[in-house]
Amino acid sequence: MSGPTVVRPSAFHSPVRKTRLLLASLPIFAGLLSEDGQVLECNFGPLGGPLEDRTDWIGRPFEHGPWWDYSEGSRAAILIMLGRAKNGHPASEERLYRKPNSDMGVMALTLTPLFAPYGQPDAILVTAVDVTERRRETDTADHIAHDMAHRLRNSFTIMRTLATRADPDEAAHLSRRLSRVRDSHSLSYRYLFFDVPIQDLVEATIDDRSQLTRYEFDPVGIPAEHAETLMLALGELALPGHKAELVAQRIGADRLTLHWTESAPRPEADMPQGLSHVLLKTVPEQKMQGTVTIDNGSSGFSWYLDFPLQTRDAAETA
């Protein structure tokens, strides 16, 4: 026994209806233009916009769409793409467009000519997808590359300064200083989008962890631009044969203190002099806008750094 006969309206079988249903199901913008660039059909939804905008666009020139009516230059660029497609050449570009909420975005727009049997374009297929986030990521990557190149140039300047100011007999000490610059780059790259944890910074700096008899720290991150400065300073403090304590403590929401103490006073020969004094005191004060106190008294040797801290988390919630 056969089932009931289903009668479908003829509209479901029409090419226009089939095209409309097909376009509506696509996850990207898709449209069909006549050979002269008039909009025959489009789904419009994936890139936003009210239904009436789509309806108003159908039957009008493609370049009159609401995405690029913010400037004549934008429409002119679309006309150039249309000209190539009308002549039988696919055109694909990333174009700036205005979203329904008036924000600006970037779309990857492609115009593909469809050829009739006799060889001439008789229609143009349009596809577009929003690539704003991908473009932002690319721009961010370019910014990061520029930032890393800038840090590298700064590091070479530091290296030249270290080499010219260091005593020729201090080759081993100079080598350790340059290693700090190299390691700071590795840390900055590892935590490209985050603050550098103070614990990781200390572990990368202190070659002999048993030198620290006590190490306390708040779980706080250091802005990447300060990593190099702190690693150079801590590298100057960590002298062989000197046992020390290190306390890293957050003060309030926007300050951090580092306190390096040794129970016995340092001999005069081990006190920071020349370049070591610059790296321990002047550089942190200038680079980090903080205050440094160095003391060598009967109670022992002490280096204290207090500086303003603006972590990424704090900046985002400010």
C-alpha atoms as a PDB file:
ATOM      1  CA  MET A   1       0.000   0.000   0.000  1.00  0.00           C
ATOM      2  CA  SER A   2       1.485   3.260  -1.075  1.00  0.00           C
ATOM      3  CA  GLY A   3       1.679   6.198   1.267  1.00  0.00           C
ATOM      4  CA  PRO A   4      -0.113   9.496   0.853  1.00  0.00           C
ATOM      5  CA  THR A   5       0.932  11.629  -2.081  1.00  0.00           C
ATOM      6  CA  VAL A   6       2.783  14.775  -1.031  1.00  0.00           C
ATOM      7  CA  VAL A   7       2.072  17.759  -3.205  1.00  0.00           C
ATOM      8  CA  ARG A   8       4.853  20.320  -3.089  1.00  0.00           C
ATOM      9  CA  PRO A   9       4.325  23.880  -4.201  1.00  0.00           C
ATOM     10  CA  SER A  10       6.035  24.660  -7.473  1.00  0.00           C
ATOM     11  CA  ALA A  11       8.049  27.365  -5.716  1.00  0.00           C
ATOM     12  CA  PHE A  12      10.145  24.667  -4.052  1.00  0.00           C
ATOM     13  CA  HIS A  13      11.191  23.443  -7.509  1.00  0.00           C
ATOM     14  CA  SER A  14      12.033  26.837  -8.984  1.00  0.00           C
ATOM     15  CA  PRO A  15      15.704  27.686  -9.556  1.00  0.00           C
ATOM     16  CA  VAL A  16      15.329  30.882  -7.520  1.00  0.00           C
ATOM     17  CA  ARG A  17      13.879  28.991  -4.553  1.00  0.00           C
ATOM     18  CA  LYS A  18      16.541  26.312  -4.751  1.00  0.00           C
ATOM     19  CA  THR A  19      19.252  28.954  -4.905  1.00  0.00           C
ATOM     20  CA  ARG A  20      17.770  30.801  -1.944  1.00  0.00           C
ATOM     21  CA  LEU A  21      17.575  27.646   0.186  1.00  0.00           C
ATOM     22  CA  LEU A  22      21.123  26.694  -0.749  1.00  0.00           C
ATOM     23  CA  LEU A  23      22.529  30.122   0.083  1.00  0.00           C
ATOM     24  CA  ALA A  24      20.651  30.306   3.383  1.00  0.00           C
ATOM     25  CA  SER A  25      22.252  27.054   4.543  1.00  0.00           C
ATOM     26  CA  LEU A  26      25.836  28.195   3.980  1.00  0.00           C
ATOM     27  CA  PRO A  27      27.936  29.283   7.001  1.00  0.00           C
ATOM     28  CA  ILE A  28      29.467  32.124   4.978  1.00  0.00           C
ATOM     29  CA  PHE A  29      28.040  35.057   3.088  1.00  0.00           C
ATOM     30  CA  ALA A  30      27.124  33.985  -0.438  1.00  0.00           C
ATOM     31  CA  GLY A  31      25.442  35.869  -3.228  1.00  0.00           C
ATOM     32  CA  LEU A  32      24.734  35.647  -6.918  1.00  0.00           C
ATOM     33  CA  LEU A  33      25.159  38.617  -9.241  1.00  0.00           C
ATOM     34  CA  SER A  34      24.089  39.135 -12.814  1.00  0.00           C
ATOM     35  CA  GLU A  35      26.770  39.642 -15.445  1.00  0.00           C
ATOM     36  CA  ASP A  36      26.470  43.413 -14.983  1.00  0.00           C
ATOM     37  CA  GLY A  37      26.837  43.264 -11.174  1.00  0.00           C
ATOM     38  CA  GLN A  38      23.189  43.398 -10.012  1.00  0.00           C
ATOM     39  CA  VAL A  39      22.388  41.384  -6.888  1.00  0.00           C
ATOM     40  CA  LEU A  40      20.118  38.466  -7.818  1.00  0.00           C
ATOM     41  CA  GLU A  41      20.160  36.650  -4.492  1.00  0.00           C
ATOM     42  CA  CYS A  42      22.154  36.596  -1.242  1.00  0.00           C
ATOM     43  CA  ASN A  43      21.899  35.066   2.211  1.00  0.00           C
ATOM     44  CA  PHE A  44      23.352  38.086   4.031  1.00  0.00           C
ATOM     45  CA  GLY A  45      22.883  36.576   7.517  1.00  0.00           C
ATOM     46  CA  PRO A  46      26.395  35.266   8.368  1.00  0.00           C
ATOM     47  CA  LEU A  47      27.870  38.771   8.274  1.00  0.00           C
ATOM     48  CA  GLY A  48      24.932  40.302  10.123  1.00  0.00           C
ATOM     49  CA  GLY A  49      22.321  42.839   9.232  1.00  0.00           C
ATOM     50  CA  PRO A  50      18.519  42.984   9.337  1.00  0.00           C
ATOM     51  CA  LEU A  51      16.449  41.181   6.739  1.00  0.00           C
ATOM     52  CA  GLU A  52      15.198  44.414   5.192  1.00  0.00           C
ATOM     53  CA  ASP A  53      18.774  45.395   4.295  1.00  0.00           C
ATOM     54  CA  ARG A  54      19.135  42.146   2.377  1.00  0.00           C
ATOM     55  CA  THR A  55      15.786  42.683   0.649  1.00  0.00           C
ATOM     56  CA  ASP A  56      16.692  46.257  -0.283  1.00  0.00           C
ATOM     57  CA  TRP A  57      20.006  45.105  -1.725  1.00  0.00           C
ATOM     58  CA  ILE A  58      18.508  42.510  -4.081  1.00  0.00           C
ATOM     59  CA  GLY A  59      18.000  44.038  -7.526  1.00  0.00           C
ATOM     60  CA  ARG A  60      20.474  46.840  -6.879  1.00  0.00           C
ATOM     61  CA  PRO A  61      24.165  47.162  -7.884  1.00  0.00           C
ATOM     62  CA  PHE A  62      26.470  45.138  -5.642  1.00  0.00           C
ATOM     63  CA  GLU A  63      28.634  48.186  -4.859  1.00  0.00           C
ATOM     64  CA  HIS A  64      25.605  49.879  -3.233  1.00  0.00           C
ATOM     65  CA  GLY A  65      25.635  47.360  -0.387  1.00  0.00           C
ATOM     66  CA  PRO A  66      25.496  48.661   3.204  1.00  0.00           C
ATOM     67  CA  TRP A  67      28.949  47.278   4.029  1.00  0.00           C
ATOM     68  CA  TRP A  68      30.891  49.885   2.096  1.00  0.00           C
ATOM     69  CA  ASP A  69      28.593  52.886   1.952  1.00  0.00           C
ATOM     70  CA  TYR A  70      30.768  54.583   4.574  1.00  0.00           C
ATOM     71  CA  SER A  71      33.129  55.954   1.901  1.00  0.00           C
ATOM     72  CA  GLU A  72      33.363  56.516  -1.844  1.00  0.00           C
ATOM     73  CA  GLY A  73      36.848  55.027  -1.809  1.00  0.00           C
ATOM     74  CA  SER A  74      35.500  51.738  -0.477  1.00  0.00           C
ATOM     75  CA  ARG A  75      32.848  51.590  -3.197  1.00  0.00           C
ATOM     76  CA  ALA A  76      35.447  52.403  -5.830  1.00  0.00           C
ATOM     77  CA  ALA A  77      37.581  49.461  -4.651  1.00  0.00           C
ATOM     78  CA  ILE A  78      34.549  47.149  -4.972  1.00  0.00           C
ATOM     79  CA  LEU A  79      33.907  48.440  -8.508  1.00  0.00           C
ATOM     80  CA  ILE A  80      37.482  47.545  -9.461  1.00  0.00           C
ATOM     81  CA  MET A  81      36.943  43.998  -8.194  1.00  0.00           C
ATOM     82  CA  LEU A  82      33.655  43.803 -10.089  1.00  0.00           C
ATOM     83  CA  GLY A  83      35.371  44.976 -13.267  1.00  0.00           C
ATOM     84  CA  ARG A  84      37.851  42.128 -13.071  1.00  0.00           C
ATOM     85  CA  ALA A  85      35.085  39.569 -12.455  1.00  0.00           C
ATOM     86  CA  LYS A  86      32.989  40.911 -15.379  1.00  0.00           C
ATOM     87  CA  ASN A  87      36.005  40.371 -17.615  1.00  0.00           C
ATOM     88  CA  GLY A  88      36.251  36.755 -16.539  1.00  0.00           C
ATOM     89  CA  HIS A  89      38.988  37.043 -13.909  1.00  0.00           C
ATOM     90  CA  PRO A  90      38.413  35.929 -10.292  1.00  0.00           C
ATOM     91  CA  ALA A  91      38.997  38.697  -7.744  1.00  0.00           C
ATOM     92  CA  SER A  92      39.842  38.062  -4.103  1.00  0.00           C
ATOM     93  CA  GLU A  93      40.839  40.635  -1.470  1.00  0.00           C
ATOM     94  CA  GLU A  94      40.541  41.414   2.208  1.00  0.00           C
ATOM     95  CA  ARG A  95      38.314  44.474   2.469  1.00  0.00           C
ATOM     96  CA  LEU A  96      37.380  46.752   5.346  1.00  0.00           C
ATOM     97  CA  TYR A  97      33.608  46.832   5.877  1.00  0.00           C
ATOM     98  CA  ARG A  98      31.106  48.379   8.242  1.00  0.00           C
ATOM     99  CA  LYS A  99      29.104  45.992  10.419  1.00  0.00           C
ATOM    100  CA  PRO A 100      25.420  46.532  11.259  1.00  0.00           C
ATOM    101  CA  ASN A 101      26.402  47.892  14.697  1.00  0.00           C
ATOM    102  CA  SER A 102      28.663  50.451  12.957  1.00  0.00           C
ATOM    103  CA  ASP A 103      31.870  48.722  14.086  1.00  0.00           C
ATOM    104  CA  MET A 104      34.470  48.163  11.410  1.00  0.00           C
ATOM    105  CA  GLY A 105      35.604  44.670  10.423  1.00  0.00           C
ATOM    106  CA  VAL A 106      37.642  42.880   7.794  1.00  0.00           C
ATOM    107  CA  MET A 107      36.138  40.419   5.320  1.00  0.00           C
ATOM    108  CA  ALA A 108      37.809  38.077   2.861  1.00  0.00           C
ATOM    109  CA  LEU A 109      35.783  38.824  -0.268  1.00  0.00           C
ATOM    110  CA  THR A 110      35.899  36.692  -3.412  1.00  0.00           C
ATOM    111  CA  LEU A 111      34.156  37.357  -6.737  1.00  0.00           C
ATOM    112  CA  THR A 112      34.165  34.343  -9.069  1.00  0.00           C
ATOM    113  CA  PRO A 113      32.823  34.643 -12.645  1.00  0.00           C
ATOM    114  CA  LEU A 114      30.485  31.865 -13.810  1.00  0.00           C
ATOM    115  CA  PHE A 115      30.757  31.125 -17.511  1.00  0.00           C
ATOM    116  CA  ALA A 116      27.989  30.322 -19.988  1.00  0.00           C
ATOM    117  CA  PRO A 117      28.476  27.499 -22.502  1.00  0.00           C
ATOM    118  CA  TYR A 118      29.628  29.992 -25.140  1.00  0.00           C
ATOM    119  CA  GLY A 119      32.489  31.140 -22.942  1.00  0.00           C
ATOM    120  CA  GLN A 120      31.403  34.537 -21.616  1.00  0.00           C
ATOM    121  CA  PRO A 121      30.630  35.274 -17.917  1.00  0.00           C
ATOM    122  CA  ASP A 122      26.866  35.322 -17.415  1.00  0.00           C
ATOM    123  CA  ALA A 123      26.873  35.535 -13.598  1.00  0.00           C
ATOM    124  CA  ILE A 124      29.204  36.244 -10.677  1.00  0.00           C
ATOM    125  CA  LEU A 125      29.351  34.207  -7.483  1.00  0.00           C
ATOM    126  CA  VAL A 126      30.211  36.240  -4.379  1.00  0.00           C
ATOM    127  CA  THR A 127      31.489  34.703  -1.149  1.00  0.00           C
ATOM    128  CA  ALA A 128      32.722  36.489   1.959  1.00  0.00           C
ATOM    129  CA  VAL A 129      33.768  35.528   5.468  1.00  0.00           C
ATOM    130  CA  ASP A 130      34.672  37.745   8.411  1.00  0.00           C
ATOM    131  CA  VAL A 131      38.416  37.544   9.190  1.00  0.00           C
ATOM    132  CA  THR A 132      38.611  40.378  11.703  1.00  0.00           C
ATOM    133  CA  GLU A 133      39.960  38.196  14.530  1.00  0.00           C
ATOM    134  CA  ARG A 134      42.491  36.484  12.285  1.00  0.00           C
ATOM    135  CA  ARG A 135      43.641  39.889  11.060  1.00  0.00           C
ATOM    136  CA  ARG A 136      43.990  41.075  14.658  1.00  0.00           C
ATOM    137  CA  GLU A 137      46.091  38.015  15.453  1.00  0.00           C
ATOM    138  CA  THR A 138      48.304  38.736  12.443  1.00  0.00           C
ATOM    139  CA  ASP A 139      48.678  42.363  13.481  1.00  0.00           C
ATOM    140  CA  THR A 140      49.458  41.219  17.031  1.00  0.00           C
ATOM    141  CA  ALA A 141      52.102  38.845  15.705  1.00  0.00           C
ATOM    142  CA  ASP A 142      53.636  41.699  13.698  1.00  0.00           C
ATOM    143  CA  HIS A 143      53.622  43.875  16.820  1.00  0.00           C
ATOM    144  CA  ILE A 144      55.264  41.089  18.816  1.00  0.00           C
ATOM    145  CA  ALA A 145      57.936  40.621  16.162  1.00  0.00           C
ATOM    146  CA  HIS A 146      58.626  44.362  16.239  1.00  0.00           C
ATOM    147  CA  ASP A 147      58.732  44.328  20.050  1.00  0.00           C
ATOM    148  CA  MET A 148      61.133  41.377  20.143  1.00  0.00           C
ATOM    149  CA  ALA A 149      63.378  43.064  17.560  1.00  0.00           C
ATOM    150  CA  HIS A 150      63.366  46.199  19.731  1.00  0.00           C
ATOM    151  CA  ARG A 151      64.339  44.167  22.807  1.00  0.00           C
ATOM    152  CA  LEU A 152      67.081  42.454  20.848  1.00  0.00           C
ATOM    153  CA  ARG A 153      68.535  45.815  19.828  1.00  0.00           C
ATOM    154  CA  ASN A 154      68.400  46.922  23.467  1.00  0.00           C
ATOM    155  CA  SER A 155      70.148  43.723  24.507  1.00  0.00           C
ATOM    156  CA  PHE A 156      72.980  44.290  22.060  1.00  0.00           C
ATOM    157  CA  THR A 157      73.366  47.783  23.514  1.00  0.00           C
ATOM    158  CA  ILE A 158      73.579  46.274  27.010  1.00  0.00           C
ATOM    159  CA  MET A 159      76.104  43.722  25.767  1.00  0.00           C
ATOM    160  CA  ARG A 160      78.318  46.422  24.285  1.00  0.00           C
ATOM    161  CA  THR A 161      78.078  48.411  27.513  1.00  0.00           C
ATOM    162  CA  LEU A 162      78.970  45.367  29.590  1.00  0.00           C
ATOM    163  CA  ALA A 163      81.897  44.521  27.340  1.00  0.00           C
ATOM    164  CA  THR A 164      83.349  48.040  27.384  1.00  0.00           C
ATOM    165  CA  ARG A 165      82.926  48.626  31.127  1.00  0.00           C
ATOM    166  CA  ALA A 166      83.934  45.214  32.442  1.00  0.00           C
ATOM    167  CA  ASP A 167      87.462  44.539  33.589  1.00  0.00           C
ATOM    168  CA  PRO A 168      89.334  42.357  31.056  1.00  0.00           C
ATOM    169  CA  ASP A 169      90.186  39.981  33.895  1.00  0.00           C
ATOM    170  CA  GLU A 170      86.493  39.383  34.628  1.00  0.00           C
ATOM    171  CA  ALA A 171      85.737  37.299  31.527  1.00  0.00           C
ATOM    172  CA  ALA A 172      83.806  34.645  33.465  1.00  0.00           C
ATOM    173  CA  HIS A 173      81.686  37.242  35.257  1.00  0.00           C
ATOM    174  CA  LEU A 174      80.990  39.024  31.954  1.00  0.00           C
ATOM    175  CA  SER A 175      79.931  35.737  30.391  1.00  0.00           C
ATOM    176  CA  ARG A 176      77.388  35.217  33.205  1.00  0.00           C
ATOM    177  CA  ARG A 177      75.994  38.707  32.671  1.00  0.00           C
ATOM    178  CA  LEU A 178      75.487  38.082  28.977  1.00  0.00           C
ATOM    179  CA  SER A 179      73.822  34.766  29.795  1.00  0.00           C
ATOM    180  CA  ARG A 180      71.268  36.717  31.828  1.00  0.00           C
ATOM    181  CA  VAL A 181      70.387  38.748  28.728  1.00  0.00           C
ATOM    182  CA  ARG A 182      69.951  35.562  26.694  1.00  0.00           C
ATOM    183  CA  ASP A 183      67.839  33.892  29.387  1.00  0.00           C
ATOM    184  CA  SER A 184      65.653  36.971  29.781  1.00  0.00           C
ATOM    185  CA  HIS A 185      64.791  36.756  26.073  1.00  0.00           C
ATOM    186  CA  SER A 186      63.813  33.124  26.518  1.00  0.00           C
ATOM    187  CA  LEU A 187      61.528  34.018  29.430  1.00  0.00           C
ATOM    188  CA  SER A 188      59.961  36.961  27.604  1.00  0.00           C
ATOM    189  CA  TYR A 189      59.208  34.751  24.595  1.00  0.00           C
ATOM    190  CA  ARG A 190      57.784  31.949  26.743  1.00  0.00           C
ATOM    191  CA  TYR A 191      55.402  34.351  28.482  1.00  0.00           C
ATOM    192  CA  LEU A 192      54.673  36.469  25.433  1.00  0.00           C
ATOM    193  CA  PHE A 193      51.076  37.280  26.392  1.00  0.00           C
ATOM    194  CA  PHE A 194      51.439  36.985  30.163  1.00  0.00           C
ATOM    195  CA  ASP A 195      53.470  38.381  33.029  1.00  0.00           C
ATOM    196  CA  VAL A 196      56.612  36.449  33.952  1.00  0.00           C
ATOM    197  CA  PRO A 197      56.122  34.593  37.273  1.00  0.00           C
ATOM    198  CA  ILE A 198      58.677  35.837  39.798  1.00  0.00           C
ATOM    199  CA  GLN A 199      59.519  32.240  40.700  1.00  0.00           C
ATOM    200  CA  ASP A 200      60.486  31.399  37.104  1.00  0.00           C
ATOM    201  CA  LEU A 201      62.540  34.556  36.899  1.00  0.00           C
ATOM    202  CA  VAL A 202      64.536  33.698  40.028  1.00  0.00           C
ATOM    203  CA  GLU A 203      65.050  30.085  38.972  1.00  0.00           C
ATOM    204  CA  ALA A 204      66.386  31.238  35.598  1.00  0.00           C
ATOM    205  CA  THR A 205      68.781  33.664  37.278  1.00  0.00           C
ATOM    206  CA  ILE A 206      70.254  31.812  40.250  1.00  0.00           C
ATOM    207  CA  ASP A 207      72.606  29.110  38.989  1.00  0.00           C
ATOM    208  CA  ASP A 208      72.987  27.488  42.415  1.00  0.00           C
ATOM    209  CA  ARG A 209      69.577  27.285  44.105  1.00  0.00           C
ATOM    210  CA  SER A 210      71.211  25.999  47.318  1.00  0.00           C
ATOM    211  CA  GLN A 211      72.677  29.495  47.659  1.00  0.00           C
ATOM    212  CA  LEU A 212      69.220  30.663  48.770  1.00  0.00           C
ATOM    213  CA  THR A 213      68.740  29.446  52.306  1.00  0.00           C
ATOM    214  CA  ARG A 214      65.225  30.926  52.314  1.00  0.00           C
ATOM    215  CA  TYR A 215      63.047  31.973  49.409  1.00  0.00           C
ATOM    216  CA  GLU A 216      59.573  33.401  49.916  1.00  0.00           C
ATOM    217  CA  PHE A 217      57.434  35.018  47.267  1.00  0.00           C
ATOM    218  CA  ASP A 218      53.910  36.128  46.547  1.00  0.00           C
ATOM    219  CA  PRO A 219      52.495  34.395  43.451  1.00  0.00           C
ATOM    220  CA  VAL A 220      52.825  37.491  41.316  1.00  0.00           C
ATOM    221  CA  GLY A 221      54.013  38.128  37.777  1.00  0.00           C
ATOM    222  CA  ILE A 222      56.556  40.640  36.550  1.00  0.00           C
ATOM    223  CA  PRO A 223      55.849  42.608  33.356  1.00  0.00           C
ATOM    224  CA  ALA A 224      58.032  41.118  30.621  1.00  0.00           C
ATOM    225  CA  GLU A 225      59.810  44.418  30.019  1.00  0.00           C
ATOM    226  CA  HIS A 226      61.244  44.212  33.559  1.00  0.00           C
ATOM    227  CA  ALA A 227      62.523  40.639  33.295  1.00  0.00           C
ATOM    228  CA  GLU A 228      65.876  41.601  31.804  1.00  0.00           C
ATOM    229  CA  THR A 229      66.525  44.295  34.428  1.00  0.00           C
ATOM    230  CA  LEU A 230      65.736  42.007  37.367  1.00  0.00           C
ATOM    231  CA  MET A 231      67.745  39.096  35.988  1.00  0.00           C
ATOM    232  CA  LEU A 232      70.815  41.306  35.562  1.00  0.00           C
ATOM    233  CA  ALA A 233      70.421  42.688  39.092  1.00  0.00           C
ATOM    234  CA  LEU A 234      69.869  39.311  40.761  1.00  0.00           C
ATOM    235  CA  GLY A 235      72.771  37.914  38.767  1.00  0.00           C
ATOM    236  CA  GLU A 236      75.031  40.564  40.304  1.00  0.00           C
ATOM    237  CA  LEU A 237      73.817  39.706  43.810  1.00  0.00           C
ATOM    238  CA  ALA A 238      74.340  35.949  43.481  1.00  0.00           C
ATOM    239  CA  LEU A 239      78.058  35.744  44.237  1.00  0.00           C
ATOM    240  CA  PRO A 240      79.670  32.319  44.828  1.00  0.00           C
ATOM    241  CA  GLY A 241      80.196  31.557  48.510  1.00  0.00           C
ATOM    242  CA  HIS A 242      77.485  33.925  49.726  1.00  0.00           C
ATOM    243  CA  LYS A 243      74.378  32.388  51.319  1.00  0.00           C
ATOM    244  CA  ALA A 244      71.316  34.604  51.030  1.00  0.00           C
ATOM    245  CA  GLU A 245      67.603  34.952  51.651  1.00  0.00           C
ATOM    246  CA  LEU A 246      65.218  36.388  49.060  1.00  0.00           C
ATOM    247  CA  VAL A 247      61.713  37.629  49.796  1.00  0.00           C
ATOM    248  CA  ALA A 248      59.399  38.875  47.027  1.00  0.00           C
ATOM    249  CA  GLN A 249      56.265  40.457  48.452  1.00  0.00           C
ATOM    250  CA  ARG A 250      53.348  42.348  46.983  1.00  0.00           C
ATOM    251  CA  ILE A 251      52.476  45.553  48.830  1.00  0.00           C
ATOM    252  CA  GLY A 252      48.863  46.444  48.243  1.00  0.00           C
ATOM    253  CA  ALA A 253      47.617  46.051  44.694  1.00  0.00           C
ATOM    254  CA  ASP A 254      50.239  47.955  42.788  1.00  0.00           C
ATOM    255  CA  ARG A 255      53.689  47.592  44.391  1.00  0.00           C
ATOM    256  CA  LEU A 256      56.219  44.805  44.727  1.00  0.00           C
ATOM    257  CA  THR A 257      59.294  44.569  46.929  1.00  0.00           C
ATOM    258  CA  LEU A 258      62.328  42.339  46.529  1.00  0.00           C
ATOM    259  CA  HIS A 259      64.569  41.934  49.554  1.00  0.00           C
ATOM    260  CA  TRP A 260      67.937  40.129  49.254  1.00  0.00           C
ATOM    261  CA  THR A 261      69.718  39.677  52.584  1.00  0.00           C
ATOM    262  CA  GLU A 262      72.905  37.971  53.729  1.00  0.00           C
ATOM    263  CA  SER A 263      73.479  37.316  57.424  1.00  0.00           C
ATOM    264  CA  ALA A 264      77.107  38.507  57.383  1.00  0.00           C
ATOM    265  CA  PRO A 265      78.499  41.741  55.988  1.00  0.00           C
ATOM    266  CA  ARG A 266      80.322  41.456  52.674  1.00  0.00           C
ATOM    267  CA  PRO A 267      84.062  42.011  52.419  1.00  0.00           C
ATOM    268  CA  GLU A 268      84.946  45.213  50.633  1.00  0.00           C
ATOM    269  CA  ALA A 269      86.204  43.236  47.643  1.00  0.00           C
ATOM    270  CA  ASP A 270      82.728  41.708  47.169  1.00  0.00           C
ATOM    271  CA  MET A 271      80.816  44.950  47.420  1.00  0.00           C
ATOM    272  CA  PRO A 272      79.238  46.158  44.139  1.00  0.00           C
ATOM    273  CA  GLN A 273      81.547  48.559  42.362  1.00  0.00           C
ATOM    274  CA  GLY A 274      81.611  50.129  38.929  1.00  0.00           C
ATOM    275  CA  LEU A 275      79.337  48.327  36.522  1.00  0.00           C
ATOM    276  CA  SER A 276      77.993  46.009  39.239  1.00  0.00           C
ATOM    277  CA  HIS A 277      76.787  49.023  41.215  1.00  0.00           C
ATOM    278  CA  VAL A 278      75.082  50.422  38.090  1.00  0.00           C
ATOM    279  CA  LEU A 279      73.279  47.144  37.422  1.00  0.00           C
ATOM    280  CA  LEU A 280      72.188  46.790  41.044  1.00  0.00           C
ATOM    281  CA  LYS A 281      71.062  50.340  41.703  1.00  0.00           C
ATOM    282  CA  THR A 282      70.928  52.769  38.787  1.00  0.00           C
ATOM    283  CA  VAL A 283      69.407  50.497  36.140  1.00  0.00           C
ATOM    284  CA  PRO A 284      66.498  49.198  38.305  1.00  0.00           C
ATOM    285  CA  GLU A 285      65.712  52.735  39.452  1.00  0.00           C
ATOM    286  CA  GLN A 286      65.692  54.102  35.897  1.00  0.00           C
ATOM    287  CA  LYS A 287      64.040  51.172  34.122  1.00  0.00           C
ATOM    288  CA  MET A 288      61.451  50.257  36.749  1.00  0.00           C
ATOM    289  CA  GLN A 289      60.856  53.688  38.315  1.00  0.00           C
ATOM    290  CA  GLY A 290      61.439  52.241  41.771  1.00  0.00           C
ATOM    291  CA  THR A 291      63.811  52.792  44.674  1.00  0.00           C
ATOM    292  CA  VAL A 292      66.856  50.695  45.513  1.00  0.00           C
ATOM    293  CA  THR A 293      68.610  50.582  48.883  1.00  0.00           C
ATOM    294  CA  ILE A 294      71.965  48.850  49.365  1.00  0.00           C
ATOM    295  CA  ASP A 295      73.324  48.421  52.874  1.00  0.00           C
ATOM    296  CA  ASN A 296      76.349  46.585  54.287  1.00  0.00           C
ATOM    297  CA  GLY A 297      76.414  46.882  58.063  1.00  0.00           C
ATOM    298  CA  SER A 298      77.001  44.810  61.150  1.00  0.00           C
ATOM    299  CA  SER A 299      73.680  42.999  60.630  1.00  0.00           C
ATOM    300  CA  GLY A 300      74.739  41.849  57.165  1.00  0.00           C
ATOM    301  CA  PHE A 301      74.439  42.784  53.497  1.00  0.00           C
ATOM    302  CA  SER A 302      71.055  43.938  52.169  1.00  0.00           C
ATOM    303  CA  TRP A 303      69.634  44.901  48.752  1.00  0.00           C
ATOM    304  CA  TYR A 304      66.055  46.192  48.742  1.00  0.00           C
ATOM    305  CA  LEU A 305      63.991  47.088  45.669  1.00  0.00           C
ATOM    306  CA  ASP A 306      60.542  48.681  45.841  1.00  0.00           C
ATOM    307  CA  PHE A 307      58.826  49.397  42.522  1.00  0.00           C
ATOM    308  CA  PRO A 308      55.333  50.082  41.101  1.00  0.00           C
ATOM    309  CA  LEU A 309      53.712  47.029  39.601  1.00  0.00           C
ATOM    310  CA  GLN A 310      51.172  47.178  36.801  1.00  0.00           C
ATOM    311  CA  THR A 311      50.445  43.603  35.797  1.00  0.00           C
ATOM    312  CA  ARG A 312      48.315  42.750  32.783  1.00  0.00           C
ATOM    313  CA  ASP A 313      45.541  41.529  35.070  1.00  0.00           C
ATOM    314  CA  ALA A 314      45.528  44.845  36.917  1.00  0.00           C
ATOM    315  CA  ALA A 315      45.517  46.782  33.656  1.00  0.00           C
ATOM    316  CA  GLU A 316      42.529  44.813  32.346  1.00  0.00           C
ATOM    317  CA  THR A 317      40.456  45.392  35.494  1.00  0.00           C
ATOM    318  CA  ALA A 318      41.391  49.061  35.883  1.00  0.00           C
END
